[in-house]
Amino acid sequence: MGFSGLILRGEVYNVDLGEPVGHEPAHFRPTIVLSSDVINNGPGALVVVVPVGSKSYGLRSHVELDRTPGGLDRVSYARCDQLRVVSTQRLVDRRGMVSKDQMQQIARAIRFVLDL
């Protein structure tokens, strides 16, 4: 398993997040790459991702995503309060890329979550 190729900020990948503990996002699901391209393709082979879910909870930390161009099957939500650092080996396949506007919304939500 693992994606081989250039990994870019804003791309949507299917990722195997494994078994959940508590309320963690888990199993096989789409995620959005948040980390910079330099980190994504560096020797550490790690990426920071935002898990994506299909259920709306109306939280300020969740950003609504259109189906395209991210390659999602339905309207979904970037769960910016559930950031994860994962090995690039967990990236199964590329689905698409979120828009620049959606990445800006995600960045605002992360600043809120992390109080930056």
PDB file of N, CA and C in Angstrom:
ATOM      1  N   MET A   1       0.845  -1.172   0.000  1.00  0.00           N
ATOM      2  CA  MET A   1       0.000   0.000   0.000  1.00  0.00           C
ATOM      3  C   MET A   1       0.891   1.236   0.000  1.00  0.00           C
ATOM      4  N   GLY A   2       0.313   2.378  -0.320  1.00  0.00           N
ATOM      5  CA  GLY A   2       1.040   3.626  -0.313  1.00  0.00           C
ATOM      6  C   GLY A   2       1.058   4.258  -1.684  1.00  0.00           C
ATOM      7  N   PHE A   3       0.894   5.538  -1.707  1.00  0.00           N
ATOM      8  CA  PHE A   3       0.886   6.284  -2.952  1.00  0.00           C
ATOM      9  C   PHE A   3       2.313   6.606  -3.351  1.00  0.00           C
ATOM     10  N   SER A   4       2.629   6.424  -4.603  1.00  0.00           N
ATOM     11  CA  SER A   4       3.953   6.815  -5.079  1.00  0.00           C
ATOM     12  C   SER A   4       3.747   7.916  -6.105  1.00  0.00           C
ATOM     13  N   GLY A   5       4.387   9.008  -5.877  1.00  0.00           N
ATOM     14  CA  GLY A   5       4.249  10.158  -6.759  1.00  0.00           C
ATOM     15  C   GLY A   5       4.282  11.431  -5.934  1.00  0.00           C
ATOM     16  N   LEU A   6       4.184  12.544  -6.599  1.00  0.00           N
ATOM     17  CA  LEU A   6       4.211  13.847  -5.949  1.00  0.00           C
ATOM     18  C   LEU A   6       2.918  14.059  -5.162  1.00  0.00           C
ATOM     19  N   ILE A   7       3.024  14.451  -3.908  1.00  0.00           N
ATOM     20  CA  ILE A   7       1.862  14.691  -3.040  1.00  0.00           C
ATOM     21  C   ILE A   7       1.764  16.188  -2.802  1.00  0.00           C
ATOM     22  N   LEU A   8       0.611  16.778  -3.150  1.00  0.00           N
ATOM     23  CA  LEU A   8       0.440  18.219  -3.088  1.00  0.00           C
ATOM     24  C   LEU A   8      -0.586  18.636  -2.036  1.00  0.00           C
ATOM     25  N   ARG A   9      -0.335  19.786  -1.420  1.00  0.00           N
ATOM     26  CA  ARG A   9      -1.287  20.378  -0.480  1.00  0.00           C
ATOM     27  C   ARG A   9      -2.617  20.594  -1.200  1.00  0.00           C
ATOM     28  N   GLY A  10      -3.716  20.198  -0.560  1.00  0.00           N
ATOM     29  CA  GLY A  10      -5.042  20.371  -1.139  1.00  0.00           C
ATOM     30  C   GLY A  10      -5.568  19.154  -1.875  1.00  0.00           C
ATOM     31  N   GLU A  11      -4.717  18.159  -2.091  1.00  0.00           N
ATOM     32  CA  GLU A  11      -5.189  16.941  -2.758  1.00  0.00           C
ATOM     33  C   GLU A  11      -6.025  16.106  -1.792  1.00  0.00           C
ATOM     34  N   VAL A  12      -6.970  15.378  -2.364  1.00  0.00           N
ATOM     35  CA  VAL A  12      -7.829  14.481  -1.599  1.00  0.00           C
ATOM     36  C   VAL A  12      -7.386  13.048  -1.892  1.00  0.00           C
ATOM     37  N   TYR A  13      -7.079  12.322  -0.820  1.00  0.00           N
ATOM     38  CA  TYR A  13      -6.656  10.926  -0.937  1.00  0.00           C
ATOM     39  C   TYR A  13      -7.539  10.038  -0.082  1.00  0.00           C
ATOM     40  N   ASN A  14      -7.786   8.834  -0.543  1.00  0.00           N
ATOM     41  CA  ASN A  14      -8.355   7.812   0.328  1.00  0.00           C
ATOM     42  C   ASN A  14      -7.224   7.343   1.230  1.00  0.00           C
ATOM     43  N   VAL A  15      -7.525   7.251   2.529  1.00  0.00           N
ATOM     44  CA  VAL A  15      -6.512   6.879   3.515  1.00  0.00           C
ATOM     45  C   VAL A  15      -7.096   5.837   4.452  1.00  0.00           C
ATOM     46  N   ASP A  16      -6.284   4.881   4.820  1.00  0.00           N
ATOM     47  CA  ASP A  16      -6.682   3.899   5.826  1.00  0.00           C
ATOM     48  C   ASP A  16      -6.214   4.421   7.181  1.00  0.00           C
ATOM     49  N   LEU A  17      -7.148   4.936   7.986  1.00  0.00           N
ATOM     50  CA  LEU A  17      -6.820   5.493   9.295  1.00  0.00           C
ATOM     51  C   LEU A  17      -6.844   4.445  10.409  1.00  0.00           C
ATOM     52  N   GLY A  18      -7.109   3.211  10.055  1.00  0.00           N
ATOM     53  CA  GLY A  18      -7.062   2.148  11.053  1.00  0.00           C
ATOM     54  C   GLY A  18      -8.284   2.136  11.969  1.00  0.00           C
ATOM     55  N   GLU A  19      -8.135   1.462  13.087  1.00  0.00           N
ATOM     56  CA  GLU A  19      -9.227   1.326  14.060  1.00  0.00           C
ATOM     57  C   GLU A  19      -9.340   2.579  14.932  1.00  0.00           C
ATOM     58  N   PRO A  20     -10.570   2.990  15.251  1.00  0.00           N
ATOM     59  CA  PRO A  20     -10.751   4.199  16.055  1.00  0.00           C
ATOM     60  C   PRO A  20     -10.553   3.955  17.549  1.00  0.00           C
ATOM     61  N   VAL A  21     -10.177   5.015  18.235  1.00  0.00           N
ATOM     62  CA  VAL A  21     -10.182   5.052  19.689  1.00  0.00           C
ATOM     63  C   VAL A  21     -11.063   6.238  20.048  1.00  0.00           C
ATOM     64  N   GLY A  22     -12.078   6.024  20.856  1.00  0.00           N
ATOM     65  CA  GLY A  22     -12.991   7.105  21.199  1.00  0.00           C
ATOM     66  C   GLY A  22     -13.708   7.632  19.974  1.00  0.00           C
ATOM     67  N   HIS A  23     -13.649   8.939  19.770  1.00  0.00           N
ATOM     68  CA  HIS A  23     -14.366   9.581  18.660  1.00  0.00           C
ATOM     69  C   HIS A  23     -13.471   9.893  17.469  1.00  0.00           C
ATOM     70  N   GLU A  24     -12.316   9.248  17.383  1.00  0.00           N
ATOM     71  CA  GLU A  24     -11.413   9.482  16.264  1.00  0.00           C
ATOM     72  C   GLU A  24     -12.048   9.059  14.943  1.00  0.00           C
ATOM     73  N   PRO A  25     -11.715   9.785  13.863  1.00  0.00           N
ATOM     74  CA  PRO A  25     -12.097   9.294  12.544  1.00  0.00           C
ATOM     75  C   PRO A  25     -11.246   8.065  12.248  1.00  0.00           C
ATOM     76  N   ALA A  26     -11.818   7.105  11.580  1.00  0.00           N
ATOM     77  CA  ALA A  26     -11.070   5.873  11.363  1.00  0.00           C
ATOM     78  C   ALA A  26     -11.490   5.191  10.072  1.00  0.00           C
ATOM     79  N   HIS A  27     -10.912   4.042   9.876  1.00  0.00           N
ATOM     80  CA  HIS A  27     -11.181   3.183   8.727  1.00  0.00           C
ATOM     81  C   HIS A  27     -10.749   3.860   7.429  1.00  0.00           C
ATOM     82  N   PHE A  28     -11.273   3.410   6.333  1.00  0.00           N
ATOM     83  CA  PHE A  28     -10.918   3.879   4.999  1.00  0.00           C
ATOM     84  C   PHE A  28     -11.796   5.086   4.678  1.00  0.00           C
ATOM     85  N   ARG A  29     -11.183   6.258   4.479  1.00  0.00           N
ATOM     86  CA  ARG A  29     -11.972   7.461   4.211  1.00  0.00           C
ATOM     87  C   ARG A  29     -11.149   8.490   3.441  1.00  0.00           C
ATOM     88  N   PRO A  30     -11.839   9.452   2.808  1.00  0.00           N
ATOM     89  CA  PRO A  30     -11.098  10.525   2.156  1.00  0.00           C
ATOM     90  C   PRO A  30     -10.484  11.471   3.185  1.00  0.00           C
ATOM     91  N   THR A  31      -9.352  12.035   2.841  1.00  0.00           N
ATOM     92  CA  THR A  31      -8.699  13.052   3.656  1.00  0.00           C
ATOM     93  C   THR A  31      -8.124  14.107   2.720  1.00  0.00           C
ATOM     94  N   ILE A  32      -7.892  15.295   3.266  1.00  0.00           N
ATOM     95  CA  ILE A  32      -7.291  16.384   2.493  1.00  0.00           C
ATOM     96  C   ILE A  32      -5.896  16.635   3.042  1.00  0.00           C
ATOM     97  N   VAL A  33      -4.922  16.707   2.162  1.00  0.00           N
ATOM     98  CA  VAL A  33      -3.546  16.968   2.571  1.00  0.00           C
ATOM     99  C   VAL A  33      -3.413  18.450   2.929  1.00  0.00           C
ATOM    100  N   LEU A  34      -2.929  18.713   4.142  1.00  0.00           N
ATOM    101  CA  LEU A  34      -2.772  20.079   4.650  1.00  0.00           C
ATOM    102  C   LEU A  34      -1.339  20.563   4.653  1.00  0.00           C
ATOM    103  N   SER A  35      -0.416  19.665   4.861  1.00  0.00           N
ATOM    104  CA  SER A  35       0.989  20.052   4.999  1.00  0.00           C
ATOM    105  C   SER A  35       1.544  20.568   3.678  1.00  0.00           C
ATOM    106  N   SER A  36       2.656  21.287   3.797  1.00  0.00           N
ATOM    107  CA  SER A  36       3.288  21.887   2.616  1.00  0.00           C
ATOM    108  C   SER A  36       3.873  20.815   1.711  1.00  0.00           C
ATOM    109  N   ASP A  37       4.024  21.172   0.451  1.00  0.00           N
ATOM    110  CA  ASP A  37       4.562  20.241  -0.538  1.00  0.00           C
ATOM    111  C   ASP A  37       5.971  19.774  -0.162  1.00  0.00           C
ATOM    112  N   VAL A  38       6.761  20.650   0.466  1.00  0.00           N
ATOM    113  CA  VAL A  38       8.123  20.287   0.880  1.00  0.00           C
ATOM    114  C   VAL A  38       8.065  19.176   1.923  1.00  0.00           C
ATOM    115  N   ILE A  39       7.182  19.298   2.900  1.00  0.00           N
ATOM    116  CA  ILE A  39       7.026  18.265   3.934  1.00  0.00           C
ATOM    117  C   ILE A  39       6.452  16.989   3.324  1.00  0.00           C
ATOM    118  N   ASN A  40       5.437  17.137   2.488  1.00  0.00           N
ATOM    119  CA  ASN A  40       4.747  15.980   1.894  1.00  0.00           C
ATOM    120  C   ASN A  40       5.683  15.069   1.112  1.00  0.00           C
ATOM    121  N   ASN A  41       6.693  15.659   0.515  1.00  0.00           N
ATOM    122  CA  ASN A  41       7.585  14.902  -0.359  1.00  0.00           C
ATOM    123  C   ASN A  41       8.996  14.795   0.203  1.00  0.00           C
ATOM    124  N   GLY A  42       9.130  15.057   1.502  1.00  0.00           N
ATOM    125  CA  GLY A  42      10.434  15.026   2.157  1.00  0.00           C
ATOM    126  C   GLY A  42      10.803  13.654   2.675  1.00  0.00           C
ATOM    127  N   PRO A  43      11.963  13.557   3.292  1.00  0.00           N
ATOM    128  CA  PRO A  43      12.479  12.274   3.761  1.00  0.00           C
ATOM    129  C   PRO A  43      11.688  11.672   4.930  1.00  0.00           C
ATOM    130  N   GLY A  44      10.893  12.475   5.636  1.00  0.00           N
ATOM    131  CA  GLY A  44      10.107  11.954   6.766  1.00  0.00           C
ATOM    132  C   GLY A  44       8.958  11.073   6.333  1.00  0.00           C
ATOM    133  N   ALA A  45       8.514  11.198   5.078  1.00  0.00           N
ATOM    134  CA  ALA A  45       7.407  10.418   4.517  1.00  0.00           C
ATOM    135  C   ALA A  45       6.147  10.503   5.381  1.00  0.00           C
ATOM    136  N   LEU A  46       5.864  11.732   5.859  1.00  0.00           N
ATOM    137  CA  LEU A  46       4.669  11.995   6.656  1.00  0.00           C
ATOM    138  C   LEU A  46       3.888  13.145   6.036  1.00  0.00           C
ATOM    139  N   VAL A  47       2.570  13.132   6.212  1.00  0.00           N
ATOM    140  CA  VAL A  47       1.709  14.231   5.769  1.00  0.00           C
ATOM    141  C   VAL A  47       0.710  14.547   6.868  1.00  0.00           C
ATOM    142  N   VAL A  48       0.305  15.816   6.935  1.00  0.00           N
ATOM    143  CA  VAL A  48      -0.769  16.229   7.832  1.00  0.00           C
ATOM    144  C   VAL A  48      -2.046  16.223   7.004  1.00  0.00           C
ATOM    145  N   VAL A  49      -3.073  15.539   7.491  1.00  0.00           N
ATOM    146  CA  VAL A  49      -4.326  15.436   6.748  1.00  0.00           C
ATOM    147  C   VAL A  49      -5.507  15.848   7.616  1.00  0.00           C
ATOM    148  N   VAL A  50      -6.568  16.242   6.935  1.00  0.00           N
ATOM    149  CA  VAL A  50      -7.853  16.528   7.561  1.00  0.00           C
ATOM    150  C   VAL A  50      -8.817  15.441   7.096  1.00  0.00           C
ATOM    151  N   PRO A  51      -9.350  14.646   8.021  1.00  0.00           N
ATOM    152  CA  PRO A  51     -10.328  13.632   7.630  1.00  0.00           C
ATOM    153  C   PRO A  51     -11.607  14.281   7.087  1.00  0.00           C
ATOM    154  N   VAL A  52     -12.270  13.582   6.188  1.00  0.00           N
ATOM    155  CA  VAL A  52     -13.507  14.053   5.573  1.00  0.00           C
ATOM    156  C   VAL A  52     -14.618  13.079   5.939  1.00  0.00           C
ATOM    157  N   GLY A  53     -15.763  13.632   6.323  1.00  0.00           N
ATOM    158  CA  GLY A  53     -16.937  12.814   6.633  1.00  0.00           C
ATOM    159  C   GLY A  53     -18.142  13.337   5.886  1.00  0.00           C
ATOM    160  N   SER A  54     -19.198  12.545   5.837  1.00  0.00           N
ATOM    161  CA  SER A  54     -20.379  12.935   5.063  1.00  0.00           C
ATOM    162  C   SER A  54     -21.504  13.507   5.928  1.00  0.00           C
ATOM    163  N   LYS A  55     -21.343  13.485   7.232  1.00  0.00           N
ATOM    164  CA  LYS A  55     -22.407  13.957   8.114  1.00  0.00           C
ATOM    165  C   LYS A  55     -22.112  15.374   8.609  1.00  0.00           C
ATOM    166  N   SER A  56     -23.133  16.223   8.579  1.00  0.00           N
ATOM    167  CA  SER A  56     -22.990  17.592   9.053  1.00  0.00           C
ATOM    168  C   SER A  56     -23.360  17.675  10.528  1.00  0.00           C
ATOM    169  N   TYR A  57     -22.476  18.294  11.301  1.00  0.00           N
ATOM    170  CA  TYR A  57     -22.744  18.524  12.718  1.00  0.00           C
ATOM    171  C   TYR A  57     -22.939  20.002  13.004  1.00  0.00           C
ATOM    172  N   GLY A  58     -22.840  20.848  11.970  1.00  0.00           N
ATOM    173  CA  GLY A  58     -23.029  22.279  12.132  1.00  0.00           C
ATOM    174  C   GLY A  58     -21.955  22.955  12.965  1.00  0.00           C
ATOM    175  N   LEU A  59     -20.764  22.392  12.992  1.00  0.00           N
ATOM    176  CA  LEU A  59     -19.681  22.954  13.791  1.00  0.00           C
ATOM    177  C   LEU A  59     -18.852  23.935  12.971  1.00  0.00           C
ATOM    178  N   ARG A  60     -18.352  24.957  13.624  1.00  0.00           N
ATOM    179  CA  ARG A  60     -17.503  25.949  12.966  1.00  0.00           C
ATOM    180  C   ARG A  60     -16.200  25.326  12.460  1.00  0.00           C
ATOM    181  N   SER A  61     -15.807  24.241  13.069  1.00  0.00           N
ATOM    182  CA  SER A  61     -14.560  23.573  12.694  1.00  0.00           C
ATOM    183  C   SER A  61     -14.729  22.603  11.524  1.00  0.00           C
ATOM    184  N   HIS A  62     -15.935  22.474  10.996  1.00  0.00           N
ATOM    185  CA  HIS A  62     -16.191  21.600   9.854  1.00  0.00           C
ATOM    186  C   HIS A  62     -16.493  22.453   8.634  1.00  0.00           C
ATOM    187  N   VAL A  63     -15.810  22.192   7.541  1.00  0.00           N
ATOM    188  CA  VAL A  63     -15.947  22.964   6.307  1.00  0.00           C
ATOM    189  C   VAL A  63     -16.668  22.122   5.264  1.00  0.00           C
ATOM    190  N   GLU A  64     -17.760  22.671   4.735  1.00  0.00           N
ATOM    191  CA  GLU A  64     -18.513  21.954   3.710  1.00  0.00           C
ATOM    192  C   GLU A  64     -17.730  21.920   2.404  1.00  0.00           C
ATOM    193  N   LEU A  65     -17.713  20.753   1.771  1.00  0.00           N
ATOM    194  CA  LEU A  65     -16.989  20.539   0.518  1.00  0.00           C
ATOM    195  C   LEU A  65     -17.949  20.081  -0.565  1.00  0.00           C
ATOM    196  N   ASP A  66     -17.812  20.666  -1.738  1.00  0.00           N
ATOM    197  CA  ASP A  66     -18.585  20.211  -2.889  1.00  0.00           C
ATOM    198  C   ASP A  66     -18.050  18.876  -3.359  1.00  0.00           C
ATOM    199  N   ARG A  67     -18.858  18.181  -4.137  1.00  0.00           N
ATOM    200  CA  ARG A  67     -18.440  16.878  -4.661  1.00  0.00           C
ATOM    201  C   ARG A  67     -17.222  16.993  -5.571  1.00  0.00           C
ATOM    202  N   THR A  68     -17.189  17.981  -6.404  1.00  0.00           N
ATOM    203  CA  THR A  68     -16.068  18.149  -7.323  1.00  0.00           C
ATOM    204  C   THR A  68     -15.441  19.497  -7.064  1.00  0.00           C
ATOM    205  N   PRO A  69     -14.196  19.722  -7.332  1.00  0.00           N
ATOM    206  CA  PRO A  69     -13.238  18.874  -8.028  1.00  0.00           C
ATOM    207  C   PRO A  69     -12.484  17.906  -7.113  1.00  0.00           C
ATOM    208  N   GLY A  70     -12.920  17.797  -5.842  1.00  0.00           N
ATOM    209  CA  GLY A  70     -12.225  16.939  -4.887  1.00  0.00           C
ATOM    210  C   GLY A  70     -12.419  15.457  -5.107  1.00  0.00           C
ATOM    211  N   GLY A  71     -13.286  15.088  -6.057  1.00  0.00           N
ATOM    212  CA  GLY A  71     -13.490  13.675  -6.331  1.00  0.00           C
ATOM    213  C   GLY A  71     -14.347  12.980  -5.287  1.00  0.00           C
ATOM    214  N   LEU A  72     -15.138  13.763  -4.528  1.00  0.00           N
ATOM    215  CA  LEU A  72     -15.991  13.178  -3.493  1.00  0.00           C
ATOM    216  C   LEU A  72     -17.316  12.731  -4.096  1.00  0.00           C
ATOM    217  N   ASP A  73     -17.921  11.701  -3.523  1.00  0.00           N
ATOM    218  CA  ASP A  73     -19.166  11.135  -4.043  1.00  0.00           C
ATOM    219  C   ASP A  73     -20.386  11.976  -3.690  1.00  0.00           C
ATOM    220  N   ARG A  74     -20.275  12.780  -2.648  1.00  0.00           N
ATOM    221  CA  ARG A  74     -21.405  13.591  -2.172  1.00  0.00           C
ATOM    222  C   ARG A  74     -20.864  14.806  -1.431  1.00  0.00           C
ATOM    223  N   VAL A  75     -21.760  15.725  -1.094  1.00  0.00           N
ATOM    224  CA  VAL A  75     -21.346  16.855  -0.269  1.00  0.00           C
ATOM    225  C   VAL A  75     -20.782  16.270   1.019  1.00  0.00           C
ATOM    226  N   SER A  76     -19.611  16.755   1.413  1.00  0.00           N
ATOM    227  CA  SER A  76     -18.913  16.213   2.580  1.00  0.00           C
ATOM    228  C   SER A  76     -18.374  17.358   3.426  1.00  0.00           C
ATOM    229  N   TYR A  77     -17.712  16.998   4.532  1.00  0.00           N
ATOM    230  CA  TYR A  77     -17.236  17.998   5.480  1.00  0.00           C
ATOM    231  C   TYR A  77     -15.813  17.686   5.912  1.00  0.00           C
ATOM    232  N   ALA A  78     -14.936  18.692   5.756  1.00  0.00           N
ATOM    233  CA  ALA A  78     -13.568  18.577   6.250  1.00  0.00           C
ATOM    234  C   ALA A  78     -13.641  18.809   7.752  1.00  0.00           C
ATOM    235  N   ARG A  79     -13.244  17.826   8.522  1.00  0.00           N
ATOM    236  CA  ARG A  79     -13.340  17.887   9.982  1.00  0.00           C
ATOM    237  C   ARG A  79     -12.024  18.419  10.546  1.00  0.00           C
ATOM    238  N   CYS A  80     -11.913  19.748  10.541  1.00  0.00           N
ATOM    239  CA  CYS A  80     -10.664  20.423  10.884  1.00  0.00           C
ATOM    240  C   CYS A  80     -10.304  20.302  12.355  1.00  0.00           C
ATOM    241  N   ASP A  81     -11.189  19.788  13.167  1.00  0.00           N
ATOM    242  CA  ASP A  81     -10.905  19.554  14.583  1.00  0.00           C
ATOM    243  C   ASP A  81     -10.352  18.154  14.814  1.00  0.00           C
ATOM    244  N   GLN A  82     -10.052  17.427  13.727  1.00  0.00           N
ATOM    245  CA  GLN A  82      -9.564  16.049  13.854  1.00  0.00           C
ATOM    246  C   GLN A  82      -8.318  15.828  12.992  1.00  0.00           C
ATOM    247  N   LEU A  83      -7.406  16.778  13.023  1.00  0.00           N
ATOM    248  CA  LEU A  83      -6.174  16.683  12.233  1.00  0.00           C
ATOM    249  C   LEU A  83      -5.397  15.420  12.578  1.00  0.00           C
ATOM    250  N   ARG A  84      -4.721  14.875  11.580  1.00  0.00           N
ATOM    251  CA  ARG A  84      -3.896  13.684  11.793  1.00  0.00           C
ATOM    252  C   ARG A  84      -2.587  13.822  11.030  1.00  0.00           C
ATOM    253  N   VAL A  85      -1.526  13.280  11.599  1.00  0.00           N
ATOM    254  CA  VAL A  85      -0.260  13.118  10.882  1.00  0.00           C
ATOM    255  C   VAL A  85      -0.166  11.638  10.560  1.00  0.00           C
ATOM    256  N   VAL A  86      -0.009  11.322   9.278  1.00  0.00           N
ATOM    257  CA  VAL A  86       0.035   9.924   8.862  1.00  0.00           C
ATOM    258  C   VAL A  86       1.220   9.692   7.936  1.00  0.00           C
ATOM    259  N   SER A  87       1.647   8.474   7.872  1.00  0.00           N
ATOM    260  CA  SER A  87       2.685   8.067   6.935  1.00  0.00           C
ATOM    261  C   SER A  87       2.123   8.146   5.516  1.00  0.00           C
ATOM    262  N   THR A  88       2.977   8.498   4.571  1.00  0.00           N
ATOM    263  CA  THR A  88       2.545   8.507   3.173  1.00  0.00           C
ATOM    264  C   THR A  88       2.162   7.101   2.710  1.00  0.00           C
ATOM    265  N   GLN A  89       2.589   6.093   3.443  1.00  0.00           N
ATOM    266  CA  GLN A  89       2.209   4.715   3.112  1.00  0.00           C
ATOM    267  C   GLN A  89       0.719   4.468   3.330  1.00  0.00           C
ATOM    268  N   ARG A  90       0.057   5.319   4.125  1.00  0.00           N
ATOM    269  CA  ARG A  90      -1.390   5.177   4.353  1.00  0.00           C
ATOM    270  C   ARG A  90      -2.224   5.758   3.212  1.00  0.00           C
ATOM    271  N   LEU A  91      -1.602   6.556   2.333  1.00  0.00           N
ATOM    272  CA  LEU A  91      -2.334   7.134   1.207  1.00  0.00           C
ATOM    273  C   LEU A  91      -2.563   6.037   0.174  1.00  0.00           C
ATOM    274  N   VAL A  92      -3.828   5.730  -0.066  1.00  0.00           N
ATOM    275  CA  VAL A  92      -4.150   4.617  -0.965  1.00  0.00           C
ATOM    276  C   VAL A  92      -4.265   5.082  -2.409  1.00  0.00           C
ATOM    277  N   ASP A  93      -5.083   6.097  -2.664  1.00  0.00           N
ATOM    278  CA  ASP A  93      -5.209   6.617  -4.018  1.00  0.00           C
ATOM    279  C   ASP A  93      -5.713   8.054  -3.988  1.00  0.00           C
ATOM    280  N   ARG A  94      -5.381   8.774  -5.050  1.00  0.00           N
ATOM    281  CA  ARG A  94      -5.757  10.187  -5.177  1.00  0.00           C
ATOM    282  C   ARG A  94      -7.156  10.280  -5.766  1.00  0.00           C
ATOM    283  N   ARG A  95      -7.997  11.144  -5.162  1.00  0.00           N
ATOM    284  CA  ARG A  95      -9.370  11.333  -5.642  1.00  0.00           C
ATOM    285  C   ARG A  95      -9.535  12.621  -6.425  1.00  0.00           C
ATOM    286  N   GLY A  96      -8.771  13.644  -6.077  1.00  0.00           N
ATOM    287  CA  GLY A  96      -8.925  14.943  -6.726  1.00  0.00           C
ATOM    288  C   GLY A  96      -8.228  16.003  -5.905  1.00  0.00           C
ATOM    289  N   MET A  97      -8.705  17.245  -6.041  1.00  0.00           N
ATOM    290  CA  MET A  97      -8.102  18.360  -5.324  1.00  0.00           C
ATOM    291  C   MET A  97      -9.193  19.356  -4.977  1.00  0.00           C
ATOM    292  N   VAL A  98      -9.182  19.852  -3.739  1.00  0.00           N
ATOM    293  CA  VAL A  98     -10.173  20.856  -3.353  1.00  0.00           C
ATOM    294  C   VAL A  98      -9.796  22.196  -3.968  1.00  0.00           C
ATOM    295  N   SER A  99     -10.762  23.084  -4.061  1.00  0.00           N
ATOM    296  CA  SER A  99     -10.523  24.391  -4.662  1.00  0.00           C
ATOM    297  C   SER A  99      -9.709  25.283  -3.728  1.00  0.00           C
ATOM    298  N   LYS A 100      -9.151  26.334  -4.304  1.00  0.00           N
ATOM    299  CA  LYS A 100      -8.387  27.304  -3.529  1.00  0.00           C
ATOM    300  C   LYS A 100      -9.279  27.937  -2.456  1.00  0.00           C
ATOM    301  N   ASP A 101     -10.525  28.238  -2.799  1.00  0.00           N
ATOM    302  CA  ASP A 101     -11.468  28.812  -1.843  1.00  0.00           C
ATOM    303  C   ASP A 101     -11.734  27.854  -0.677  1.00  0.00           C
ATOM    304  N   GLN A 102     -11.901  26.573  -0.989  1.00  0.00           N
ATOM    305  CA  GLN A 102     -12.128  25.587   0.068  1.00  0.00           C
ATOM    306  C   GLN A 102     -10.904  25.454   0.966  1.00  0.00           C
ATOM    307  N   MET A 103      -9.697  25.518   0.390  1.00  0.00           N
ATOM    308  CA  MET A 103      -8.483  25.467   1.214  1.00  0.00           C
ATOM    309  C   MET A 103      -8.392  26.684   2.125  1.00  0.00           C
ATOM    310  N   GLN A 104      -8.824  27.849   1.658  1.00  0.00           N
ATOM    311  CA  GLN A 104      -8.829  29.039   2.500  1.00  0.00           C
ATOM    312  C   GLN A 104      -9.810  28.873   3.662  1.00  0.00           C
ATOM    313  N   GLN A 105     -10.967  28.290   3.392  1.00  0.00           N
ATOM    314  CA  GLN A 105     -11.946  28.029   4.451  1.00  0.00           C
ATOM    315  C   GLN A 105     -11.392  27.033   5.471  1.00  0.00           C
ATOM    316  N   ILE A 106     -10.713  26.021   4.981  1.00  0.00           N
ATOM    317  CA  ILE A 106     -10.091  25.029   5.865  1.00  0.00           C
ATOM    318  C   ILE A 106      -9.019  25.695   6.724  1.00  0.00           C
ATOM    319  N   ALA A 107      -8.213  26.550   6.119  1.00  0.00           N
ATOM    320  CA  ALA A 107      -7.166  27.260   6.869  1.00  0.00           C
ATOM    321  C   ALA A 107      -7.780  28.116   7.976  1.00  0.00           C
ATOM    322  N   ARG A 108      -8.894  28.804   7.692  1.00  0.00           N
ATOM    323  CA  ARG A 108      -9.576  29.605   8.729  1.00  0.00           C
ATOM    324  C   ARG A 108     -10.074  28.713   9.858  1.00  0.00           C
ATOM    325  N   ALA A 109     -10.657  27.581   9.500  1.00  0.00           N
ATOM    326  CA  ALA A 109     -11.177  26.659  10.516  1.00  0.00           C
ATOM    327  C   ALA A 109     -10.050  26.107  11.383  1.00  0.00           C
ATOM    328  N   ILE A 110      -8.910  25.825  10.780  1.00  0.00           N
ATOM    329  CA  ILE A 110      -7.761  25.311  11.556  1.00  0.00           C
ATOM    330  C   ILE A 110      -7.208  26.384  12.484  1.00  0.00           C
ATOM    331  N   ARG A 111      -7.164  27.628  12.007  1.00  0.00           N
ATOM    332  CA  ARG A 111      -6.734  28.718  12.896  1.00  0.00           C
ATOM    333  C   ARG A 111      -7.669  28.830  14.096  1.00  0.00           C
ATOM    334  N   PHE A 112      -8.957  28.637  13.875  1.00  0.00           N
ATOM    335  CA  PHE A 112      -9.929  28.640  14.962  1.00  0.00           C
ATOM    336  C   PHE A 112      -9.660  27.492  15.932  1.00  0.00           C
ATOM    337  N   VAL A 113      -9.506  26.290  15.397  1.00  0.00           N
ATOM    338  CA  VAL A 113      -9.298  25.094  16.229  1.00  0.00           C
ATOM    339  C   VAL A 113      -8.028  25.209  17.061  1.00  0.00           C
ATOM    340  N   LEU A 114      -6.953  25.691  16.452  1.00  0.00           N
ATOM    341  CA  LEU A 114      -5.654  25.765  17.127  1.00  0.00           C
ATOM    342  C   LEU A 114      -5.411  27.109  17.819  1.00  0.00           C
ATOM    343  N   ASP A 115      -6.382  28.015  17.741  1.00  0.00           N
ATOM    344  CA  ASP A 115      -6.277  29.337  18.362  1.00  0.00           C
ATOM    345  C   ASP A 115      -5.027  30.076  17.880  1.00  0.00           C
ATOM    346  N   LEU A 116      -4.832  30.086  16.571  1.00  0.00           N
ATOM    347  CA  LEU A 116      -3.658  30.754  15.978  1.00  0.00           C
ATOM    348  C   LEU A 116      -3.985  32.177  15.570  1.00  0.00           C
TER     349      LEU A 116
END
